[in-house]
N, C-alpha and C. Protein backbone atom coordinates (compact mmCIF):
# COMPACT_ATOMS: atom_id res chain seq x y z
N UNK A 1 -1.65 -15.43 16.53
CA UNK A 1 -3.21 -15.31 17.41
C UNK A 1 -2.62 -15.30 18.85
N UNK A 2 -1.35 -15.87 19.33
CA UNK A 2 -1.01 -15.34 20.75
C UNK A 2 -0.85 -13.93 20.92
N UNK A 3 -0.42 -13.46 19.83
CA UNK A 3 -0.22 -11.88 20.25
C UNK A 3 -1.36 -11.38 20.86
N UNK A 4 -2.45 -11.54 19.84
CA UNK A 4 -3.41 -10.72 19.83
C UNK A 4 -4.20 -11.39 21.73
N UNK A 5 -4.06 -12.47 21.82
CA UNK A 5 -4.70 -12.70 23.03
C UNK A 5 -3.53 -11.97 24.35
N UNK A 6 -2.64 -11.54 23.99
CA UNK A 6 -1.57 -11.33 24.82
C UNK A 6 -2.29 -9.82 24.55
N UNK A 7 -2.35 -9.09 23.78
CA UNK A 7 -2.68 -7.67 23.72
C UNK A 7 -4.17 -7.42 24.57
N UNK A 8 -4.83 -8.62 24.33
CA UNK A 8 -6.31 -8.58 24.86
C UNK A 8 -6.06 -8.43 26.50
N UNK A 9 -5.27 -9.19 26.72
CA UNK A 9 -4.68 -9.08 28.36
C UNK A 9 -4.16 -7.84 29.06
N UNK A 10 -3.20 -7.51 27.92
CA UNK A 10 -2.65 -5.52 28.39
C UNK A 10 -3.71 -4.86 28.50
N UNK A 11 -4.58 -4.36 27.33
CA UNK A 11 -5.54 -3.54 27.24
C UNK A 11 -6.34 -4.02 28.27
N UNK A 12 -6.66 -5.16 28.94
CA UNK A 12 -7.51 -5.42 30.15
C UNK A 12 -6.96 -4.37 31.44
N UNK A 13 -5.45 -4.39 31.36
CA UNK A 13 -5.11 -4.36 32.53
C UNK A 13 -4.47 -3.01 32.10
N UNK A 14 -4.63 -1.83 31.45
CA UNK A 14 -4.40 -0.60 31.38
C UNK A 14 -5.03 0.04 32.27
N UNK A 15 -6.48 0.12 32.55
CA UNK A 15 -7.32 0.69 33.68
C UNK A 15 -6.56 0.59 35.09
N UNK A 16 -5.57 -0.51 35.17
CA UNK A 16 -5.23 -0.62 36.92
C UNK A 16 -3.94 0.23 36.42
N UNK A 17 -3.43 0.19 35.46
CA UNK A 17 -1.85 0.81 35.46
C UNK A 17 -2.41 2.24 35.29
N UNK A 18 -3.26 2.61 34.99
CA UNK A 18 -3.56 4.11 34.77
C UNK A 18 -4.00 4.81 36.56
N UNK A 19 -5.00 3.84 37.11
CA UNK A 19 -5.12 4.15 38.48
C UNK A 19 -3.97 4.21 39.30
N UNK A 20 -2.78 3.26 39.05
CA UNK A 20 -1.75 3.31 39.77
C UNK A 20 -0.92 4.51 39.61
N UNK A 21 -1.06 5.10 38.14
CA UNK A 21 -0.35 6.25 38.17
C UNK A 21 -1.07 7.72 38.75
N UNK A 22 -2.41 7.23 38.68
CA UNK A 22 -3.31 8.56 39.84
C UNK A 22 -3.00 8.65 40.93
N UNK A 23 -2.73 7.31 41.62
CA UNK A 23 -3.14 7.01 42.61
C UNK A 23 -1.18 7.03 43.93
N UNK A 24 -0.22 6.74 42.63
CA UNK A 24 1.25 6.60 43.33
C UNK A 24 2.04 8.18 43.84
N UNK A 25 2.65 7.90 44.79
CA UNK A 25 3.32 8.57 45.34
C UNK A 25 2.71 10.10 46.29
N UNK A 26 1.58 9.72 46.49
CA UNK A 26 0.66 10.93 47.11
C UNK A 26 -0.04 10.53 48.51
N UNK A 27 1.02 11.33 49.39
CA UNK A 27 0.64 10.75 51.08
C UNK A 27 -0.75 10.87 51.29
N UNK A 28 -1.36 11.90 50.93
CA UNK A 28 -2.86 12.17 51.21
C UNK A 28 -4.01 11.02 50.44
N UNK A 29 -3.74 9.56 50.10
CA UNK A 29 -4.66 9.24 49.51
C UNK A 29 -5.64 8.70 49.91
N UNK A 30 -6.96 8.18 50.03
CA UNK A 30 -7.65 7.84 51.00
C UNK A 30 -8.63 6.72 50.32
N UNK A 31 -7.75 5.32 50.81
CA UNK A 31 -8.32 4.34 50.11
C UNK A 31 -9.33 3.72 50.93
N UNK A 32 -10.08 4.31 51.57
CA UNK A 32 -11.39 4.01 52.09
C UNK A 32 -12.86 4.78 51.38
N UNK A 33 -11.90 5.71 50.59
CA UNK A 33 -13.19 6.25 49.46
C UNK A 33 -12.41 7.00 48.75
N UNK A 34 -11.87 5.61 47.57
CA UNK A 34 -10.94 6.45 46.84
C UNK A 34 -11.26 7.13 45.52
N UNK A 35 -12.51 7.05 45.39
CA UNK A 35 -13.61 7.43 44.00
C UNK A 35 -13.82 9.25 44.59
N UNK A 36 -14.10 9.24 45.24
CA UNK A 36 -14.21 10.48 46.29
C UNK A 36 -13.09 11.79 46.13
N UNK A 37 -11.84 10.93 46.65
CA UNK A 37 -10.44 10.92 46.31
C UNK A 37 -9.85 11.42 45.11
N UNK A 38 -10.30 10.36 43.98
CA UNK A 38 -9.73 10.56 42.46
C UNK A 38 -10.47 11.81 42.08
N UNK A 39 -11.78 12.15 42.66
CA UNK A 39 -12.54 13.03 41.92
C UNK A 39 -12.24 14.35 42.45
N UNK A 40 -11.32 14.54 43.39
CA UNK A 40 -10.77 16.10 44.16
C UNK A 40 -9.67 16.41 43.20
N UNK A 41 -9.01 15.45 42.66
CA UNK A 41 -7.65 15.82 42.01
C UNK A 41 -7.63 16.55 40.62
N UNK A 42 -6.21 17.11 40.50
CA UNK A 42 -6.48 17.98 39.45
C UNK A 42 -4.66 17.52 38.90
N UNK A 43 -4.73 18.26 37.86
CA UNK A 43 -3.42 17.80 36.98
C UNK A 43 -3.16 16.37 36.57
N UNK A 44 -2.20 15.66 36.79
CA UNK A 44 -1.71 14.75 36.04
C UNK A 44 -2.66 13.63 36.35
N UNK A 45 -2.76 13.89 37.65
CA UNK A 45 -3.61 12.86 38.46
C UNK A 45 -5.07 12.72 37.97
N UNK A 46 -5.29 13.98 38.07
CA UNK A 46 -7.09 13.39 37.39
C UNK A 46 -7.20 13.73 35.93
N UNK A 47 -5.97 13.64 35.07
CA UNK A 47 -6.02 12.96 33.53
C UNK A 47 -5.65 11.69 33.58
N UNK A 48 -5.03 11.11 34.27
CA UNK A 48 -4.40 9.50 34.62
C UNK A 48 -5.75 9.07 35.14
N UNK A 49 -6.96 9.33 35.95
CA UNK A 49 -7.64 9.22 36.00
C UNK A 49 -9.07 9.14 35.18
N UNK A 50 -9.34 9.90 34.25
CA UNK A 50 -9.79 10.09 32.99
C UNK A 50 -9.22 9.06 32.29
N UNK A 51 -7.81 8.90 32.02
CA UNK A 51 -7.28 8.06 30.76
C UNK A 51 -8.04 6.60 31.70
N UNK A 52 -8.08 6.35 32.79
CA UNK A 52 -8.51 5.11 33.34
C UNK A 52 -10.09 4.55 32.76
N UNK A 53 -10.83 5.71 33.22
CA UNK A 53 -12.22 5.77 32.47
C UNK A 53 -11.99 5.45 31.17
N UNK A 54 -11.12 5.90 30.15
CA UNK A 54 -11.44 5.88 29.27
C UNK A 54 -10.78 4.54 28.66
N UNK A 55 -9.92 3.78 29.05
CA UNK A 55 -9.20 2.62 29.03
C UNK A 55 -10.60 1.14 29.26
N UNK A 56 -11.00 1.64 30.40
CA UNK A 56 -12.42 0.66 30.81
C UNK A 56 -13.23 0.86 29.60
N UNK A 57 -13.68 1.87 28.70
CA UNK A 57 -14.43 2.38 27.80
C UNK A 57 -14.35 1.45 26.45
N UNK A 58 -12.94 1.65 26.44
CA UNK A 58 -12.17 0.87 24.99
C UNK A 58 -12.34 -0.41 24.74
N UNK A 59 -11.95 -0.79 26.18
CA UNK A 59 -11.82 -2.22 26.16
C UNK A 59 -12.84 -3.00 25.53
N UNK A 60 -14.01 -3.20 26.14
CA UNK A 60 -15.14 -3.80 25.79
C UNK A 60 -15.06 -3.99 24.10
N UNK A 61 -15.15 -2.92 23.28
CA UNK A 61 -14.98 -2.60 21.55
C UNK A 61 -14.24 -3.58 21.52
N UNK A 62 -12.53 -3.01 21.73
CA UNK A 62 -11.97 -3.82 21.13
C UNK A 62 -12.00 -5.47 21.34
N UNK A 63 -11.75 -5.91 22.61
CA UNK A 63 -12.05 -7.19 22.87
C UNK A 63 -13.34 -7.77 21.85
N UNK A 64 -14.26 -7.42 21.72
CA UNK A 64 -15.51 -8.01 21.12
C UNK A 64 -14.81 -8.03 19.49
N UNK A 65 -13.80 -6.87 19.02
CA UNK A 65 -13.44 -6.89 17.72
C UNK A 65 -12.54 -8.11 17.28
N UNK A 66 -12.05 -7.93 18.46
CA UNK A 66 -10.46 -9.04 17.72
C UNK A 66 -11.28 -10.38 18.18
N UNK A 67 -12.30 -11.22 19.21
CA UNK A 67 -12.79 -11.80 18.94
C UNK A 67 -13.90 -12.53 17.71
N UNK A 68 -14.60 -11.11 17.49
CA UNK A 68 -15.07 -11.33 16.07
C UNK A 68 -14.30 -11.71 15.07
N UNK A 69 -13.18 -11.17 15.03
CA UNK A 69 -12.11 -11.31 13.74
C UNK A 69 -11.78 -12.71 13.93
N UNK A 70 -11.59 -13.21 14.68
CA UNK A 70 -10.76 -14.49 14.82
C UNK A 70 -11.86 -15.76 14.72
N UNK A 71 -13.20 -15.36 15.28
CA UNK A 71 -13.85 -16.43 14.61
C UNK A 71 -14.59 -16.26 13.62
N UNK A 72 -14.48 -15.17 12.57
CA UNK A 72 -15.03 -15.26 11.35
C UNK A 72 -14.18 -15.62 10.61
N UNK A 73 -12.60 -16.14 10.71
CA UNK A 73 -11.66 -16.38 10.43
C UNK A 73 -10.48 -15.30 9.70
N UNK A 74 -10.55 -14.35 10.62
CA UNK A 74 -10.03 -13.49 9.74
C UNK A 74 -8.26 -13.89 9.89
N UNK A 75 -7.54 -13.89 9.05
CA UNK A 75 -6.03 -14.21 9.31
C UNK A 75 -5.52 -13.47 10.45
N UNK A 76 -5.30 -14.72 11.41
CA UNK A 76 -4.69 -14.50 12.84
C UNK A 76 -3.35 -13.13 12.15
N UNK A 77 -2.50 -13.51 12.08
CA UNK A 77 -1.59 -12.47 11.74
C UNK A 77 -1.85 -11.16 11.28
N UNK A 78 -2.73 -10.64 10.64
CA UNK A 78 -3.87 -9.56 10.19
C UNK A 78 -4.43 -9.32 12.02
N UNK A 79 -5.18 -9.91 12.40
CA UNK A 79 -5.55 -9.85 13.99
C UNK A 79 -4.61 -9.38 15.13
N UNK A 80 -3.15 -10.05 15.06
CA UNK A 80 -2.18 -10.03 15.66
C UNK A 80 -1.84 -8.79 15.55
N UNK A 81 -1.52 -7.89 14.52
CA UNK A 81 -0.94 -6.81 14.07
C UNK A 81 -1.65 -5.73 14.37
N UNK A 82 -2.90 -5.70 14.33
CA UNK A 82 -3.86 -5.18 14.42
C UNK A 82 -4.01 -5.10 16.01
N UNK A 83 -4.28 -6.24 16.34
CA UNK A 83 -4.35 -5.76 17.91
C UNK A 83 -3.12 -5.21 18.94
N UNK A 84 -1.70 -5.60 18.47
CA UNK A 84 -0.73 -5.10 18.84
C UNK A 84 -0.42 -3.70 18.91
N UNK A 85 -0.62 -3.04 17.45
CA UNK A 85 -0.83 -1.82 16.92
C UNK A 85 -2.10 -1.08 17.62
N UNK A 86 -3.00 -1.59 18.11
CA UNK A 86 -4.27 -0.77 18.99
C UNK A 86 -3.49 -0.70 20.44
N UNK A 87 -3.19 -1.62 21.15
CA UNK A 87 -2.09 -1.57 22.27
C UNK A 87 -1.39 -0.26 22.06
N UNK A 88 -0.08 -0.33 21.33
CA UNK A 88 0.82 0.68 21.04
C UNK A 88 0.06 1.81 21.25
N UNK A 89 -1.25 2.48 20.10
CA UNK A 89 -1.71 3.38 20.38
C UNK A 89 -2.43 3.96 22.07
N UNK A 90 -2.80 2.88 22.39
CA UNK A 90 -3.51 2.87 23.70
C UNK A 90 -2.23 3.42 24.78
N UNK A 91 -1.38 2.80 24.81
CA UNK A 91 -0.20 3.20 25.28
C UNK A 91 0.15 4.87 25.36
N UNK A 92 0.26 4.95 23.61
CA UNK A 92 0.90 6.27 23.76
C UNK A 92 -0.57 7.30 24.06
N UNK A 93 -1.83 6.95 23.64
CA UNK A 93 -2.99 7.64 24.49
C UNK A 93 -2.96 8.15 25.96
N UNK A 94 -2.63 7.12 26.94
CA UNK A 94 -2.49 7.18 28.09
C UNK A 94 -1.05 8.20 28.35
N UNK A 95 -0.11 8.28 27.55
CA UNK A 95 1.34 8.72 27.68
C UNK A 95 0.83 10.26 27.51
N UNK A 96 -0.14 10.70 26.57
CA UNK A 96 -0.20 11.83 25.69
C UNK A 96 -1.34 12.09 27.20
N UNK A 97 -2.35 11.44 27.39
CA UNK A 97 -3.25 12.09 28.27
C UNK A 97 -2.37 12.51 29.52
N UNK A 98 -1.71 11.72 30.22
CA UNK A 98 -1.19 12.31 31.33
C UNK A 98 -0.13 13.10 31.38
N UNK A 99 0.13 13.46 30.16
CA UNK A 99 1.49 14.64 29.96
C UNK A 99 0.71 15.91 29.31
N UNK A 100 -0.65 15.66 29.31
CA UNK A 100 -1.31 16.99 28.39
C UNK A 100 -0.98 17.40 26.98
N UNK A 101 -1.23 16.51 26.30
CA UNK A 101 -0.50 16.43 24.99
C UNK A 101 -2.05 16.31 24.24
N UNK A 102 -3.12 17.15 24.13
CA UNK A 102 -4.23 17.47 24.08
C UNK A 102 -4.18 16.47 22.23
N UNK A 103 -3.66 17.29 21.51
CA UNK A 103 -3.80 16.87 19.90
C UNK A 103 -3.53 15.86 19.47
N UNK A 104 -2.03 15.25 20.33
CA UNK A 104 -1.56 14.06 19.87
C UNK A 104 -2.33 13.03 20.69
N UNK A 105 -3.04 13.35 21.97
CA UNK A 105 -3.91 12.19 22.19
C UNK A 105 -4.95 12.18 21.58
N UNK A 106 -5.46 13.53 20.90
CA UNK A 106 -6.72 12.77 20.19
C UNK A 106 -6.42 12.20 18.71
N UNK A 107 -5.29 12.26 18.27
CA UNK A 107 -4.58 11.47 16.91
C UNK A 107 -4.47 9.94 17.20
N UNK A 108 -3.62 9.50 18.37
CA UNK A 108 -3.53 8.19 18.95
C UNK A 108 -5.20 7.62 19.37
N UNK A 109 -5.69 8.39 19.99
CA UNK A 109 -7.05 8.00 20.20
C UNK A 109 -7.67 7.48 19.29
N UNK A 110 -7.73 8.20 17.91
CA UNK A 110 -8.48 8.11 16.81
C UNK A 110 -7.56 6.64 16.02
N UNK A 111 -6.96 6.80 15.68
CA UNK A 111 -5.86 5.32 15.40
C UNK A 111 -6.13 4.30 15.98
N UNK A 112 -6.18 4.49 16.93
CA UNK A 112 -6.90 2.92 18.08
C UNK A 112 -8.17 2.82 17.79
N UNK A 113 -8.92 3.87 17.87
CA UNK A 113 -10.33 3.25 17.64
C UNK A 113 -10.61 2.70 16.18
N UNK A 114 -9.74 3.45 15.08
CA UNK A 114 -10.20 3.03 13.63
C UNK A 114 -9.21 1.82 13.32
N UNK A 115 -8.59 1.39 14.22
CA UNK A 115 -7.73 -0.21 13.90
C UNK A 115 -9.24 -1.14 14.45
N UNK A 116 -9.57 -0.89 15.47
CA UNK A 116 -11.11 -1.75 16.04
C UNK A 116 -12.15 -1.32 14.89
N UNK A 117 -12.26 -0.35 14.51
CA UNK A 117 -13.63 -0.91 13.31
C UNK A 117 -12.80 -1.45 11.82
N UNK A 118 -11.75 -1.69 11.76
CA UNK A 118 -11.15 -1.81 10.90
C UNK A 118 -11.39 -3.67 10.91
N UNK A 119 -10.99 -4.03 12.61
CA UNK A 119 -11.06 -5.90 12.92
C UNK A 119 -12.70 -5.91 12.70
N UNK A 120 -13.82 -4.78 13.05
CA UNK A 120 -15.03 -5.53 12.91
C UNK A 120 -15.64 -5.19 11.18
N UNK A 121 -15.06 -4.69 10.60
CA UNK A 121 -14.78 -4.61 8.93
C UNK A 121 -14.45 -5.97 8.11
N UNK A 122 -13.20 -6.48 8.87
CA UNK A 122 -12.73 -7.17 8.14
C UNK A 122 -13.75 -8.57 8.45
N UNK A 123 -13.86 -8.87 10.08
CA UNK A 123 -14.70 -9.91 10.24
C UNK A 123 -16.19 -9.78 9.67
N UNK A 124 -17.02 -8.95 9.18
CA UNK A 124 -18.05 -8.69 8.02
C UNK A 124 -17.58 -9.01 6.82
N UNK A 125 -16.65 -8.75 6.59
CA UNK A 125 -16.11 -8.64 5.13
C UNK A 125 -15.98 -10.54 4.80
N UNK A 126 -15.41 -11.02 5.86
CA UNK A 126 -15.18 -12.33 5.76
C UNK A 126 -16.50 -13.11 6.11
N UNK A 127 -17.33 -12.52 6.67
CA UNK A 127 -18.59 -13.09 6.71
C UNK A 127 -19.26 -13.36 5.17
N UNK A 128 -19.29 -12.30 4.67
CA UNK A 128 -19.81 -12.15 3.18
C UNK A 128 -19.26 -12.69 2.34
N UNK A 129 -17.90 -13.62 2.24
CA UNK A 129 -17.18 -14.23 1.51
C UNK A 129 -17.67 -15.52 1.31
N UNK A 130 -18.24 -15.92 2.47
CA UNK A 130 -18.79 -17.72 2.80
C UNK A 130 -19.69 -17.60 1.93
């Protein structure tokens, strides 16, 4: 169960990492209006910003899936494994997004999404067994 908690922490921090990638090393970064500055970016900076938004979007679905699976008594080792796999896929997703590997990005996004769906399914199946 400790690994799934750690995975939640890492997943929650991923948007910050993506924002750092988008903003890093650029002398013209405007901290007084960061959203407008990011909206004008192109290339890897724009893709890192888009990855940041997607990480924010994916986190709640993942977090609730982990919590529901644990609360309904799904084997914590299964939840840990799924959580670590999700985070690995999300890290790969960010890498693929920033490096403009669209086909691979879609595949790893799908793997992460299916992992979360599996957590929900396991939680629902566990409720049916009681």
